[in-house]
Amino acid sequence: MTALNSPEEHTRPTPARRGRIAGWRVGALASPSFPVYGALLGIVVLSWILVTIDGGTYFSTGNTVNILQRSVALGIVSAGQTVVILLGSLDLSVAWVISLASLVLATQMDGQGGNVAPAVALVLAIGLVIGLANGLIITKLRVNAFIATLGTALIIQGIIQNRYDGPAGAVPASFRDIGYTRFGLIPMSFFLLIIVVAVIWFLLTNTRFGYRIYAVGGSEDVSKLSGLRTHRTIIAAHVVCSLCAVITGMFLAARLGAGSPTVGTDGGYDLESIAAVVLGGTALMGGRGGVIGTLGGVFLLAVLDNTFNQLEVNSFIKDVVRGIIIIAAVAVYARREEKKA
């Protein structure tokens, strides 16, 4: 008799599995990403018309730079949020993680006379620990992701409120360049966003980790029966999400020149990142979607915010319109899935 295959052997890409992995890559690329770009084009044209009628100039250098800069922070954290939502999970702690990262980075740089490398390493280590904690709570304690990450958010909130009364630390000028330097129309920080999105895209579409993300999101139970170590995948995904959140916090510290205890929550990056992922076509139940669609959702929200600000729209109307767009997007994706079925 031949010995039963070990879990490790189950995960080796045999010819049949290579075909399935290729299928997951196609699923990642052919996910409902493109409708959001059609909607984005429509929003841009409509915004141009409305701003022009109002007497403004929409396609100006300053306005283009503003939209791109608005996309960076939300785009980075949304890229990480995409990974956990593809699992059928989510992370509500990202807003407070962003605030904590900005504070730790700024205070460390201030205390070390602007020494960048140790401060960045410390902040990344904090993101790693928070991601591990979220993943372990969800997998080992079997706590629902919503409750687990909400609990983590409350813990971080308590730490911040106990230690910081307001803005703290200072970021050296060399690090602030990340937030303000630009090459023509393109801010330097936008390249940071593209790098993060490219890394996440590569992980999801060209690695075994990405295959496992889609498999677990499709069905955790089936993935277990197939020999996949689902707990490791869930933990790793939450680590990626937290690392993206701390990178966002470092970018915002560069923009502000200091750490802020409310920079994450004032930006609403927890719910905003989920909204961007949903607008990009990633299913909240997991298993379908991708980071390219999320990037389109980020741009759509950035264009809307920019247009509302130019038109001086009431904040109540802003929230109503954004809510309607998100609901409409989810409804369209749901109808498309029903027709496919």
Protein backbone atom coordinates (compact mmCIF):
# COMPACT_ATOMS: atom_id res chain seq x y z
CA MET A 1 0.00 0.00 0.00
CA THR A 2 1.16 3.51 -0.72
CA ALA A 3 1.34 5.94 2.15
CA LEU A 4 -1.21 8.70 2.34
CA ASN A 5 0.02 12.02 1.05
CA SER A 6 1.03 14.57 3.65
CA PRO A 7 -0.56 18.05 3.67
CA GLU A 8 2.65 19.38 2.15
CA GLU A 9 2.36 16.92 -0.74
CA HIS A 10 -1.23 18.02 -1.30
CA THR A 11 -0.02 21.57 -1.90
CA ARG A 12 2.65 20.65 -4.49
CA PRO A 13 1.52 21.87 -7.93
CA THR A 14 0.85 18.61 -9.79
CA PRO A 15 -0.28 19.02 -13.44
CA ALA A 16 -3.93 18.94 -12.41
CA ARG A 17 -3.32 21.45 -9.64
CA ARG A 18 -1.35 23.67 -11.98
CA GLY A 19 -4.47 23.89 -14.09
CA ARG A 20 -6.53 24.85 -11.08
CA ILE A 21 -3.94 27.43 -10.04
CA ALA A 22 -4.06 28.87 -13.55
CA GLY A 23 -7.82 28.98 -13.17
CA TRP A 24 -7.49 30.98 -9.97
CA ARG A 25 -5.15 33.40 -11.76
CA VAL A 26 -7.71 33.85 -14.52
CA GLY A 27 -10.42 34.28 -11.88
CA ALA A 28 -8.36 36.96 -10.19
CA LEU A 29 -7.84 38.84 -13.44
CA ALA A 30 -11.31 38.30 -14.88
CA SER A 31 -13.08 39.22 -11.65
CA PRO A 32 -15.56 42.12 -11.81
CA SER A 33 -12.77 44.71 -12.06
CA PHE A 34 -13.58 46.37 -15.33
CA PRO A 35 -17.08 47.74 -14.58
CA VAL A 36 -15.58 49.99 -11.90
CA TYR A 37 -13.28 51.57 -14.48
CA GLY A 38 -16.25 52.24 -16.76
CA ALA A 39 -18.02 53.87 -13.82
CA LEU A 40 -14.84 55.81 -13.01
CA LEU A 41 -14.69 57.18 -16.56
CA GLY A 42 -18.35 58.19 -16.34
CA ILE A 43 -17.78 59.93 -12.98
CA VAL A 44 -14.74 61.81 -14.37
CA VAL A 45 -16.72 63.07 -17.39
CA LEU A 46 -19.68 64.06 -15.21
CA SER A 47 -17.37 65.80 -12.73
CA TRP A 48 -15.67 67.71 -15.54
CA ILE A 49 -19.05 68.91 -16.83
CA LEU A 50 -20.33 69.96 -13.40
CA VAL A 51 -17.13 71.75 -12.37
CA THR A 52 -16.96 73.55 -15.75
CA ILE A 53 -20.58 74.69 -15.42
CA ASP A 54 -19.74 75.91 -11.90
CA GLY A 55 -16.95 78.04 -13.36
CA GLY A 56 -14.01 75.91 -12.25
CA THR A 57 -11.20 74.12 -14.08
CA TYR A 58 -11.25 70.38 -13.61
CA PHE A 59 -8.24 69.14 -15.60
CA SER A 60 -5.72 71.47 -13.98
CA THR A 61 -2.30 70.43 -12.67
CA GLY A 62 -3.26 71.14 -9.07
CA ASN A 63 -6.50 69.19 -9.33
CA THR A 64 -4.85 66.16 -10.92
CA VAL A 65 -2.12 66.11 -8.27
CA ASN A 66 -4.79 66.43 -5.55
CA ILE A 67 -6.69 63.39 -6.85
CA LEU A 68 -3.55 61.27 -7.08
CA GLN A 69 -2.42 62.27 -3.57
CA ARG A 70 -5.88 61.53 -2.17
CA SER A 71 -5.63 58.05 -3.67
CA VAL A 72 -2.37 57.06 -1.99
CA ALA A 73 -3.32 56.55 1.66
CA LEU A 74 -6.68 54.95 0.92
CA GLY A 75 -5.18 52.88 -1.90
CA ILE A 76 -2.43 51.33 0.22
CA VAL A 77 -4.69 50.34 3.10
CA SER A 78 -7.38 49.11 0.66
CA ALA A 79 -4.84 46.85 -1.07
CA GLY A 80 -4.26 45.10 2.26
CA GLN A 81 -7.98 45.03 3.00
CA THR A 82 -8.53 43.30 -0.35
CA VAL A 83 -6.41 40.34 0.75
CA VAL A 84 -8.43 39.64 3.90
CA ILE A 85 -11.80 40.26 2.23
CA LEU A 86 -10.87 37.72 -0.46
CA LEU A 87 -10.72 35.25 2.43
CA GLY A 88 -14.22 36.21 3.53
CA SER A 89 -12.66 38.10 6.46
CA LEU A 90 -12.11 41.82 7.10
CA ASP A 91 -10.07 44.14 9.33
CA LEU A 92 -11.73 46.95 11.30
CA SER A 93 -8.54 47.78 13.21
CA VAL A 94 -6.74 49.42 10.28
CA ALA A 95 -7.76 53.01 11.15
CA TRP A 96 -6.24 52.80 14.64
CA VAL A 97 -3.22 50.90 13.32
CA ILE A 98 -2.61 53.81 10.94
CA SER A 99 -2.78 56.31 13.80
CA LEU A 100 -0.46 54.22 15.99
CA ALA A 101 2.04 53.81 13.16
CA SER A 102 2.18 57.56 12.54
CA LEU A 103 2.75 58.28 16.23
CA VAL A 104 5.43 55.63 16.76
CA LEU A 105 7.27 56.62 13.58
CA ALA A 106 7.27 60.34 14.37
CA THR A 107 8.26 59.96 18.03
CA GLN A 108 11.05 57.52 17.19
CA MET A 109 12.45 59.74 14.45
CA ASP A 110 12.24 62.77 16.72
CA GLY A 111 14.02 60.94 19.54
CA GLN A 112 16.73 59.53 17.26
CA GLY A 113 17.54 62.81 15.56
CA GLY A 114 15.83 61.84 12.34
CA ASN A 115 17.30 58.33 12.05
CA VAL A 116 14.85 56.79 9.59
CA ALA A 117 15.75 53.08 9.28
CA PRO A 118 15.26 51.98 12.94
CA ALA A 119 11.96 53.87 13.18
CA VAL A 120 10.63 52.29 9.98
CA ALA A 121 11.76 48.83 11.13
CA LEU A 122 10.00 49.28 14.49
CA VAL A 123 6.75 50.37 12.86
CA LEU A 124 6.81 47.42 10.45
CA ALA A 125 7.43 45.09 13.40
CA ILE A 126 4.38 46.56 15.15
CA GLY A 127 2.30 45.91 12.06
CA LEU A 128 3.57 42.33 11.96
CA VAL A 129 2.61 41.76 15.61
CA ILE A 130 -0.87 43.26 15.19
CA GLY A 131 -1.51 41.18 12.09
CA LEU A 132 -0.37 38.03 13.88
CA ALA A 133 -2.63 38.86 16.82
CA ASN A 134 -5.67 39.37 14.58
CA GLY A 135 -4.98 36.17 12.67
CA LEU A 136 -4.42 34.07 15.79
CA ILE A 137 -7.55 35.39 17.50
CA ILE A 138 -9.62 34.54 14.44
CA THR A 139 -8.13 31.09 13.80
CA LYS A 140 -7.18 29.74 17.22
CA LEU A 141 -9.82 31.37 19.42
CA ARG A 142 -12.43 31.04 16.65
CA VAL A 143 -13.61 34.63 17.10
CA ASN A 144 -15.50 36.18 14.22
CA ALA A 145 -13.25 38.54 12.22
CA PHE A 146 -15.59 41.49 12.74
CA ILE A 147 -15.46 41.11 16.54
CA ALA A 148 -11.77 40.15 16.65
CA THR A 149 -10.53 43.15 14.69
CA LEU A 150 -12.99 45.49 16.41
CA GLY A 151 -11.57 44.31 19.74
CA THR A 152 -8.03 44.92 18.50
CA ALA A 153 -9.08 48.40 17.38
CA LEU A 154 -10.44 49.18 20.85
CA ILE A 155 -7.21 47.97 22.49
CA ILE A 156 -5.09 50.16 20.22
CA GLN A 157 -7.45 53.08 20.79
CA GLY A 158 -6.99 52.70 24.55
CA ILE A 159 -3.20 52.62 24.21
CA ILE A 160 -3.19 55.74 22.05
CA GLN A 161 -5.54 57.70 24.29
CA ASN A 162 -3.51 56.76 27.37
CA ARG A 163 -0.13 57.75 25.90
CA TYR A 164 -0.86 60.61 23.50
CA ASP A 165 -2.84 63.80 24.10
CA GLY A 166 -2.36 65.15 20.59
CA PRO A 167 0.16 65.30 17.74
CA ALA A 168 3.55 63.94 18.76
CA GLY A 169 7.09 63.66 17.42
CA ALA A 170 8.56 65.13 14.27
CA VAL A 171 9.46 63.71 10.88
CA PRO A 172 12.73 64.91 9.29
CA ALA A 173 12.62 66.83 6.03
CA SER A 174 14.24 63.96 4.12
CA PHE A 175 11.32 61.67 5.04
CA ARG A 176 8.70 64.36 4.38
CA ASP A 177 9.81 64.39 0.77
CA ILE A 178 7.84 61.17 0.32
CA GLY A 179 4.64 63.09 0.97
CA TYR A 180 5.35 66.20 -1.09
CA THR A 181 7.91 65.58 -3.86
CA ARG A 182 6.45 65.09 -7.32
CA PHE A 183 7.70 64.47 -10.83
CA GLY A 184 5.60 66.67 -13.10
CA LEU A 185 2.00 65.63 -12.44
CA ILE A 186 2.92 62.47 -10.54
CA PRO A 187 3.59 62.69 -6.77
CA MET A 188 6.41 60.49 -5.47
CA SER A 189 3.94 58.91 -3.06
CA PHE A 190 1.86 57.67 -6.00
CA PHE A 191 4.75 55.40 -6.98
CA LEU A 192 4.61 53.96 -3.46
CA LEU A 193 0.95 53.11 -4.05
CA ILE A 194 1.75 51.48 -7.40
CA ILE A 195 4.54 49.41 -5.81
CA VAL A 196 2.24 48.15 -3.01
CA VAL A 197 -0.56 47.32 -5.46
CA ALA A 198 1.89 45.56 -7.80
CA VAL A 199 3.26 43.44 -4.94
CA ILE A 200 -0.24 42.46 -3.77
CA TRP A 201 -1.30 41.71 -7.36
CA PHE A 202 1.75 39.49 -7.86
CA LEU A 203 1.11 37.65 -4.59
CA LEU A 204 -2.52 37.01 -5.51
CA THR A 205 -2.00 35.94 -9.11
CA ASN A 206 1.43 34.31 -9.28
CA THR A 207 2.13 32.61 -5.96
CA ARG A 208 0.92 29.62 -3.99
CA PHE A 209 -0.14 32.06 -1.26
CA GLY A 210 -2.51 33.76 -3.70
CA TYR A 211 -3.97 30.42 -4.79
CA ARG A 212 -4.65 29.58 -1.15
CA ILE A 213 -6.28 32.96 -0.54
CA TYR A 214 -8.81 32.36 -3.32
CA ALA A 215 -9.29 28.72 -2.29
CA VAL A 216 -9.99 29.55 1.36
CA GLY A 217 -12.26 32.42 0.32
CA GLY A 218 -14.19 30.07 -1.94
CA SER A 219 -14.66 27.49 0.83
CA GLU A 220 -12.56 27.05 3.94
CA ASP A 221 -13.96 23.59 4.61
CA VAL A 222 -13.18 22.32 1.11
CA SER A 223 -9.71 23.84 1.38
CA LYS A 224 -9.09 21.92 4.60
CA LEU A 225 -10.21 18.68 2.97
CA SER A 226 -7.82 19.42 0.09
CA GLY A 227 -4.93 19.56 2.54
CA LEU A 228 -4.44 23.33 2.64
CA ARG A 229 -3.33 24.79 5.96
CA THR A 230 -6.08 27.36 6.11
CA HIS A 231 -5.08 28.84 9.47
CA ARG A 232 -1.65 29.80 8.16
CA THR A 233 -3.26 31.45 5.14
CA ILE A 234 -5.68 33.48 7.26
CA ILE A 235 -2.91 34.61 9.63
CA ALA A 236 -0.61 35.56 6.75
CA ALA A 237 -3.40 37.53 5.07
CA HIS A 238 -4.03 39.56 8.24
CA VAL A 239 -0.30 40.23 8.56
CA VAL A 240 -0.28 41.60 5.00
CA CYS A 241 -3.29 43.81 5.81
CA SER A 242 -1.68 45.23 8.96
CA LEU A 243 1.60 45.88 7.15
CA CYS A 244 -0.30 47.86 4.52
CA ALA A 245 -1.97 49.84 7.32
CA VAL A 246 1.35 50.78 8.95
CA ILE A 247 2.78 51.80 5.56
CA THR A 248 -0.24 54.09 5.22
CA GLY A 249 0.47 55.50 8.69
CA MET A 250 4.08 56.21 7.74
CA PHE A 251 2.98 58.00 4.57
CA LEU A 252 0.49 60.16 6.50
CA ALA A 253 3.17 61.01 9.07
CA ALA A 254 5.35 62.18 6.17
CA ARG A 255 2.48 64.35 4.95
CA LEU A 256 1.73 65.83 8.38
CA GLY A 257 5.33 66.11 9.59
CA ALA A 258 4.28 64.51 12.90
CA GLY A 259 2.24 61.65 14.32
CA SER A 260 -1.46 62.13 14.98
CA PRO A 261 -3.72 60.05 17.25
CA THR A 262 -6.72 60.67 14.98
CA VAL A 263 -5.24 60.59 11.48
CA GLY A 264 -6.60 57.09 10.83
CA THR A 265 -10.06 57.56 12.27
CA ASP A 266 -10.55 61.07 10.85
CA GLY A 267 -9.89 59.60 7.42
CA GLY A 268 -12.35 56.78 8.09
CA TYR A 269 -9.90 54.32 6.60
CA ASP A 270 -11.58 51.28 8.14
CA LEU A 271 -14.93 51.67 6.38
CA GLU A 272 -13.52 53.60 3.41
CA SER A 273 -11.13 50.77 2.59
CA ILE A 274 -13.94 48.22 2.71
CA ALA A 275 -16.04 50.48 0.46
CA ALA A 276 -13.19 50.74 -2.07
CA VAL A 277 -12.78 46.96 -2.13
CA VAL A 278 -16.51 46.43 -2.63
CA LEU A 279 -16.68 49.07 -5.38
CA GLY A 280 -13.81 47.24 -7.08
CA GLY A 281 -15.92 44.10 -7.35
CA THR A 282 -14.43 41.91 -4.63
CA ALA A 283 -17.11 39.76 -3.02
CA LEU A 284 -17.49 40.26 0.74
CA MET A 285 -18.10 36.52 1.06
CA GLY A 286 -14.64 35.93 -0.40
CA GLY A 287 -13.23 33.96 -3.30
CA ARG A 288 -13.78 36.50 -6.11
CA GLY A 289 -12.18 39.82 -6.92
CA GLY A 290 -8.75 41.37 -6.94
CA VAL A 291 -6.61 44.36 -6.13
CA ILE A 292 -6.82 45.88 -9.64
CA GLY A 293 -10.53 46.39 -9.15
CA THR A 294 -9.87 47.83 -5.69
CA LEU A 295 -7.55 50.42 -7.21
CA GLY A 296 -10.41 51.51 -9.47
CA GLY A 297 -12.66 51.82 -6.44
CA VAL A 298 -10.05 53.99 -4.71
CA PHE A 299 -9.78 56.32 -7.71
CA LEU A 300 -13.57 56.54 -7.92
CA LEU A 301 -13.84 57.63 -4.28
CA ALA A 302 -10.94 60.08 -4.71
CA VAL A 303 -12.57 61.67 -7.77
CA LEU A 304 -15.89 61.97 -5.94
CA ASP A 305 -14.26 63.64 -2.92
CA ASN A 306 -12.34 66.03 -5.13
CA THR A 307 -15.45 66.97 -7.10
CA PHE A 308 -17.55 67.47 -3.96
CA ASN A 309 -14.87 69.76 -2.54
CA GLN A 310 -14.65 71.83 -5.71
CA LEU A 311 -18.42 72.20 -5.84
CA GLU A 312 -18.52 72.85 -2.06
CA VAL A 313 -21.18 70.19 -1.59
CA ASN A 314 -22.67 69.78 1.88
CA SER A 315 -21.07 66.91 3.84
CA PHE A 316 -24.49 65.30 4.34
CA ILE A 317 -25.05 65.18 0.57
CA LYS A 318 -21.54 63.75 0.11
CA ASP A 319 -22.29 60.80 2.38
CA VAL A 320 -25.69 60.20 0.79
CA VAL A 321 -24.28 60.11 -2.75
CA ARG A 322 -21.36 57.89 -1.75
CA GLY A 323 -23.73 55.51 0.01
CA ILE A 324 -26.01 55.31 -3.02
CA ILE A 325 -23.06 54.58 -5.31
CA ILE A 326 -21.75 51.79 -3.06
CA ILE A 327 -25.21 50.16 -2.77
CA ALA A 328 -25.74 50.44 -6.54
CA ALA A 329 -22.34 48.87 -7.24
CA VAL A 330 -22.99 45.91 -4.96
CA ALA A 331 -26.46 45.44 -6.51
CA VAL A 332 -24.99 45.43 -10.03
CA TYR A 333 -22.33 42.87 -9.10
CA ALA A 334 -24.94 40.69 -7.38
CA ARG A 335 -27.17 40.74 -10.46
CA ARG A 336 -24.22 39.83 -12.69
CA GLU A 337 -23.38 36.88 -10.46
CA GLU A 338 -27.01 35.68 -10.56
CA LYS A 339 -27.01 35.77 -14.36
CA LYS A 340 -23.75 33.80 -14.49
CA ALA A 341 -25.24 31.17 -12.17
